Amino acid sequence: MTGTGELIGARVREIRTALKLTQAEVSRRSNIQRRNIARIEAGEHVPTLDSIVRLSIAMHVQPSEILRVLDDPTRDPYPLDALLHVGIEPRDG
């Protein structure tokens, strides 16, 4: 299963490359270090809401355009096995 960070990172890269922007340019526009943008795009770091907003402003898109990759109704971000693994019990009813 693809994680949230990987999905958001791939979407940021997709938007950035479609706009023909470099990581350095997005870094300058967003005031986020280029290495952190690289980490986000690689799925190694899940960006904060603040970072998502700054990235969206830098690329002239709405934040929802970055986050729409999470709207897939077939994707369960919290599968039951993962919840049980960390000790969270599902509620009855």
N, C-alpha and C. Protein backbone atom coordinates (compact mmCIF):
# COMPACT_ATOMS: atom_id res chain seq x y z
N MET A 1 0.84 -1.18 0.00
CA MET A 1 0.00 0.00 0.00
C MET A 1 0.89 1.25 0.00
N THR A 2 0.51 2.21 -0.77
CA THR A 2 1.25 3.46 -0.86
C THR A 2 0.83 4.35 0.30
N GLY A 3 1.82 4.92 0.99
CA GLY A 3 1.55 5.78 2.13
C GLY A 3 1.18 7.19 1.73
N THR A 4 0.66 7.92 2.69
CA THR A 4 0.24 9.30 2.48
C THR A 4 1.39 10.16 1.96
N GLY A 5 2.56 10.02 2.59
CA GLY A 5 3.72 10.82 2.17
C GLY A 5 4.12 10.55 0.74
N GLU A 6 4.08 9.28 0.34
CA GLU A 6 4.44 8.93 -1.04
C GLU A 6 3.44 9.51 -2.03
N LEU A 7 2.15 9.46 -1.68
CA LEU A 7 1.12 10.00 -2.58
C LEU A 7 1.25 11.51 -2.73
N ILE A 8 1.41 12.20 -1.62
CA ILE A 8 1.55 13.66 -1.67
C ILE A 8 2.83 14.04 -2.40
N GLY A 9 3.91 13.35 -2.11
CA GLY A 9 5.18 13.64 -2.76
C GLY A 9 5.12 13.47 -4.27
N ALA A 10 4.49 12.39 -4.70
CA ALA A 10 4.36 12.15 -6.14
C ALA A 10 3.51 13.23 -6.79
N ARG A 11 2.49 13.70 -6.07
CA ARG A 11 1.62 14.75 -6.62
C ARG A 11 2.37 16.08 -6.71
N VAL A 12 3.16 16.40 -5.68
CA VAL A 12 3.96 17.63 -5.72
C VAL A 12 4.91 17.58 -6.92
N ARG A 13 5.59 16.45 -7.11
CA ARG A 13 6.51 16.32 -8.24
C ARG A 13 5.75 16.44 -9.57
N GLU A 14 4.58 15.80 -9.65
CA GLU A 14 3.79 15.85 -10.89
C GLU A 14 3.41 17.29 -11.24
N ILE A 15 2.95 18.04 -10.26
CA ILE A 15 2.57 19.43 -10.50
C ILE A 15 3.79 20.26 -10.87
N ARG A 16 4.86 20.10 -10.10
CA ARG A 16 6.08 20.89 -10.34
C ARG A 16 6.63 20.65 -11.75
N THR A 17 6.72 19.40 -12.15
CA THR A 17 7.28 19.11 -13.48
C THR A 17 6.34 19.54 -14.59
N ALA A 18 5.04 19.44 -14.37
CA ALA A 18 4.08 19.91 -15.38
C ALA A 18 4.22 21.41 -15.60
N LEU A 19 4.58 22.12 -14.54
CA LEU A 19 4.77 23.56 -14.64
C LEU A 19 6.18 23.94 -15.07
N LYS A 20 7.01 22.92 -15.30
CA LYS A 20 8.40 23.11 -15.72
C LYS A 20 9.19 23.95 -14.70
N LEU A 21 8.95 23.67 -13.44
CA LEU A 21 9.67 24.34 -12.36
C LEU A 21 10.72 23.38 -11.81
N THR A 22 11.84 23.92 -11.39
CA THR A 22 12.86 23.12 -10.73
C THR A 22 12.57 23.10 -9.23
N GLN A 23 13.17 22.14 -8.54
CA GLN A 23 13.05 22.12 -7.09
C GLN A 23 13.63 23.40 -6.50
N ALA A 24 14.70 23.90 -7.09
CA ALA A 24 15.33 25.13 -6.60
C ALA A 24 14.37 26.31 -6.72
N GLU A 25 13.63 26.39 -7.81
CA GLU A 25 12.68 27.49 -8.00
C GLU A 25 11.53 27.40 -7.00
N VAL A 26 11.01 26.20 -6.82
CA VAL A 26 9.94 26.01 -5.83
C VAL A 26 10.46 26.33 -4.43
N SER A 27 11.70 25.95 -4.17
CA SER A 27 12.32 26.23 -2.89
C SER A 27 12.38 27.74 -2.64
N ARG A 28 12.84 28.46 -3.63
CA ARG A 28 12.95 29.92 -3.50
C ARG A 28 11.58 30.55 -3.30
N ARG A 29 10.59 30.11 -4.05
CA ARG A 29 9.25 30.69 -3.97
C ARG A 29 8.54 30.33 -2.66
N SER A 30 8.81 29.15 -2.13
CA SER A 30 8.08 28.67 -0.96
C SER A 30 8.82 28.89 0.36
N ASN A 31 10.11 29.20 0.26
CA ASN A 31 10.97 29.33 1.43
C ASN A 31 11.07 27.99 2.19
N ILE A 32 11.07 26.90 1.43
CA ILE A 32 11.31 25.56 1.95
C ILE A 32 12.62 25.11 1.34
N GLN A 33 13.53 24.60 2.14
CA GLN A 33 14.82 24.19 1.62
C GLN A 33 14.66 23.14 0.52
N ARG A 34 15.52 23.25 -0.51
CA ARG A 34 15.43 22.34 -1.65
C ARG A 34 15.55 20.89 -1.22
N ARG A 35 16.42 20.59 -0.27
CA ARG A 35 16.56 19.19 0.17
C ARG A 35 15.27 18.68 0.81
N ASN A 36 14.51 19.57 1.46
CA ASN A 36 13.24 19.16 2.04
C ASN A 36 12.19 18.92 0.96
N ILE A 37 12.23 19.71 -0.10
CA ILE A 37 11.34 19.46 -1.23
C ILE A 37 11.67 18.12 -1.86
N ALA A 38 12.95 17.81 -1.99
CA ALA A 38 13.37 16.51 -2.53
C ALA A 38 12.87 15.38 -1.63
N ARG A 39 12.95 15.56 -0.32
CA ARG A 39 12.48 14.54 0.61
C ARG A 39 10.97 14.37 0.52
N ILE A 40 10.24 15.47 0.36
CA ILE A 40 8.79 15.39 0.20
C ILE A 40 8.46 14.62 -1.08
N GLU A 41 9.09 15.00 -2.18
CA GLU A 41 8.82 14.35 -3.46
C GLU A 41 9.18 12.87 -3.45
N ALA A 42 10.18 12.50 -2.67
CA ALA A 42 10.60 11.10 -2.58
C ALA A 42 9.72 10.30 -1.63
N GLY A 43 8.80 10.97 -0.95
CA GLY A 43 7.93 10.29 0.00
C GLY A 43 8.61 9.98 1.32
N GLU A 44 9.75 10.63 1.55
CA GLU A 44 10.50 10.41 2.79
C GLU A 44 10.02 11.31 3.92
N HIS A 45 9.23 12.31 3.59
CA HIS A 45 8.75 13.26 4.59
C HIS A 45 7.32 13.66 4.22
N VAL A 46 6.42 13.60 5.20
CA VAL A 46 5.05 14.06 4.98
C VAL A 46 5.02 15.55 5.32
N PRO A 47 4.66 16.40 4.36
CA PRO A 47 4.68 17.84 4.63
C PRO A 47 3.58 18.26 5.59
N THR A 48 3.87 19.28 6.38
CA THR A 48 2.87 19.86 7.26
C THR A 48 1.85 20.61 6.42
N LEU A 49 0.74 20.98 7.03
CA LEU A 49 -0.25 21.78 6.32
C LEU A 49 0.35 23.11 5.88
N ASP A 50 1.18 23.70 6.73
CA ASP A 50 1.85 24.95 6.37
C ASP A 50 2.70 24.77 5.12
N SER A 51 3.44 23.68 5.06
CA SER A 51 4.29 23.42 3.89
C SER A 51 3.45 23.19 2.64
N ILE A 52 2.33 22.49 2.79
CA ILE A 52 1.45 22.26 1.64
C ILE A 52 0.91 23.58 1.11
N VAL A 53 0.54 24.46 2.01
CA VAL A 53 0.04 25.78 1.60
C VAL A 53 1.15 26.57 0.90
N ARG A 54 2.36 26.57 1.47
CA ARG A 54 3.47 27.30 0.84
C ARG A 54 3.83 26.71 -0.52
N LEU A 55 3.81 25.39 -0.64
CA LEU A 55 4.09 24.76 -1.94
C LEU A 55 3.02 25.13 -2.95
N SER A 56 1.76 25.13 -2.52
CA SER A 56 0.68 25.47 -3.45
C SER A 56 0.79 26.92 -3.92
N ILE A 57 1.14 27.82 -3.02
CA ILE A 57 1.32 29.22 -3.41
C ILE A 57 2.49 29.34 -4.40
N ALA A 58 3.58 28.64 -4.10
CA ALA A 58 4.76 28.69 -4.96
C ALA A 58 4.47 28.18 -6.36
N MET A 59 3.55 27.20 -6.47
CA MET A 59 3.25 26.60 -7.77
C MET A 59 1.94 27.12 -8.35
N HIS A 60 1.32 28.11 -7.68
CA HIS A 60 0.08 28.74 -8.16
C HIS A 60 -1.05 27.74 -8.36
N VAL A 61 -1.22 26.85 -7.37
CA VAL A 61 -2.35 25.92 -7.37
C VAL A 61 -3.01 25.98 -5.99
N GLN A 62 -4.22 25.49 -5.92
CA GLN A 62 -4.90 25.41 -4.63
C GLN A 62 -4.31 24.26 -3.81
N PRO A 63 -4.26 24.36 -2.49
CA PRO A 63 -3.78 23.24 -1.67
C PRO A 63 -4.56 21.95 -1.95
N SER A 64 -5.82 22.08 -2.25
CA SER A 64 -6.64 20.90 -2.55
C SER A 64 -6.14 20.16 -3.79
N GLU A 65 -5.47 20.87 -4.68
CA GLU A 65 -4.92 20.23 -5.87
C GLU A 65 -3.79 19.28 -5.50
N ILE A 66 -3.04 19.61 -4.47
CA ILE A 66 -1.98 18.72 -3.99
C ILE A 66 -2.61 17.56 -3.22
N LEU A 67 -3.60 17.85 -2.41
CA LEU A 67 -4.18 16.84 -1.52
C LEU A 67 -5.21 15.93 -2.19
N ARG A 68 -5.62 16.25 -3.40
CA ARG A 68 -6.67 15.45 -4.03
C ARG A 68 -6.28 13.99 -4.25
N VAL A 69 -4.99 13.70 -4.21
CA VAL A 69 -4.56 12.31 -4.35
C VAL A 69 -5.04 11.45 -3.19
N LEU A 70 -5.44 12.10 -2.10
CA LEU A 70 -5.93 11.36 -0.93
C LEU A 70 -7.42 11.10 -1.00
N ASP A 71 -8.09 11.59 -2.04
CA ASP A 71 -9.54 11.46 -2.17
C ASP A 71 -10.01 10.13 -2.73
N ASP A 72 -9.10 9.22 -3.01
CA ASP A 72 -9.46 7.92 -3.60
C ASP A 72 -10.29 7.13 -2.59
N PRO A 73 -11.58 6.92 -2.88
CA PRO A 73 -12.44 6.21 -1.91
C PRO A 73 -12.06 4.74 -1.73
N THR A 74 -11.29 4.19 -2.66
CA THR A 74 -10.90 2.79 -2.54
C THR A 74 -9.67 2.62 -1.66
N ARG A 75 -9.02 3.72 -1.33
CA ARG A 75 -7.81 3.67 -0.51
C ARG A 75 -8.18 3.85 0.95
N ASP A 76 -7.86 2.87 1.76
CA ASP A 76 -8.13 2.94 3.19
C ASP A 76 -6.85 3.41 3.89
N PRO A 77 -6.81 4.67 4.36
CA PRO A 77 -5.58 5.17 4.97
C PRO A 77 -5.27 4.52 6.32
N TYR A 78 -6.27 3.88 6.92
CA TYR A 78 -6.07 3.24 8.22
C TYR A 78 -6.60 1.80 8.17
N PRO A 79 -5.87 0.92 7.48
CA PRO A 79 -6.35 -0.45 7.41
C PRO A 79 -6.42 -1.08 8.80
N LEU A 80 -7.38 -1.96 8.99
CA LEU A 80 -7.61 -2.57 10.29
C LEU A 80 -6.35 -3.23 10.85
N ASP A 81 -5.59 -3.92 10.00
CA ASP A 81 -4.37 -4.57 10.47
C ASP A 81 -3.39 -3.57 11.08
N ALA A 82 -3.26 -2.40 10.45
CA ALA A 82 -2.33 -1.40 10.96
C ALA A 82 -2.83 -0.83 12.29
N LEU A 83 -4.13 -0.63 12.42
CA LEU A 83 -4.67 -0.12 13.68
C LEU A 83 -4.45 -1.12 14.81
N LEU A 84 -4.68 -2.39 14.53
CA LEU A 84 -4.50 -3.41 15.56
C LEU A 84 -3.03 -3.57 15.92
N HIS A 85 -2.16 -3.36 14.94
CA HIS A 85 -0.72 -3.50 15.17
C HIS A 85 -0.20 -2.47 16.18
N VAL A 86 -0.77 -1.28 16.15
CA VAL A 86 -0.31 -0.24 17.08
C VAL A 86 -1.15 -0.20 18.35
N GLY A 87 -2.04 -1.16 18.51
CA GLY A 87 -2.80 -1.27 19.74
C GLY A 87 -4.06 -0.46 19.80
N ILE A 88 -4.55 0.02 18.68
CA ILE A 88 -5.82 0.76 18.66
C ILE A 88 -6.91 -0.23 18.31
N GLU A 89 -7.84 -0.37 19.20
CA GLU A 89 -8.94 -1.31 18.99
C GLU A 89 -10.08 -0.61 18.27
N PRO A 90 -10.67 -1.29 17.28
CA PRO A 90 -11.83 -0.69 16.60
C PRO A 90 -13.00 -0.59 17.56
N ARG A 91 -13.83 0.45 17.37
CA ARG A 91 -15.02 0.63 18.21
C ARG A 91 -16.12 -0.28 17.71
N ASP A 92 -16.95 -0.73 18.62
CA ASP A 92 -18.16 -1.48 18.25
C ASP A 92 -19.23 -0.50 17.86
N GLY A 93 -20.01 -0.90 16.85
CA GLY A 93 -21.17 -0.13 16.46
C GLY A 93 -20.84 1.03 15.69
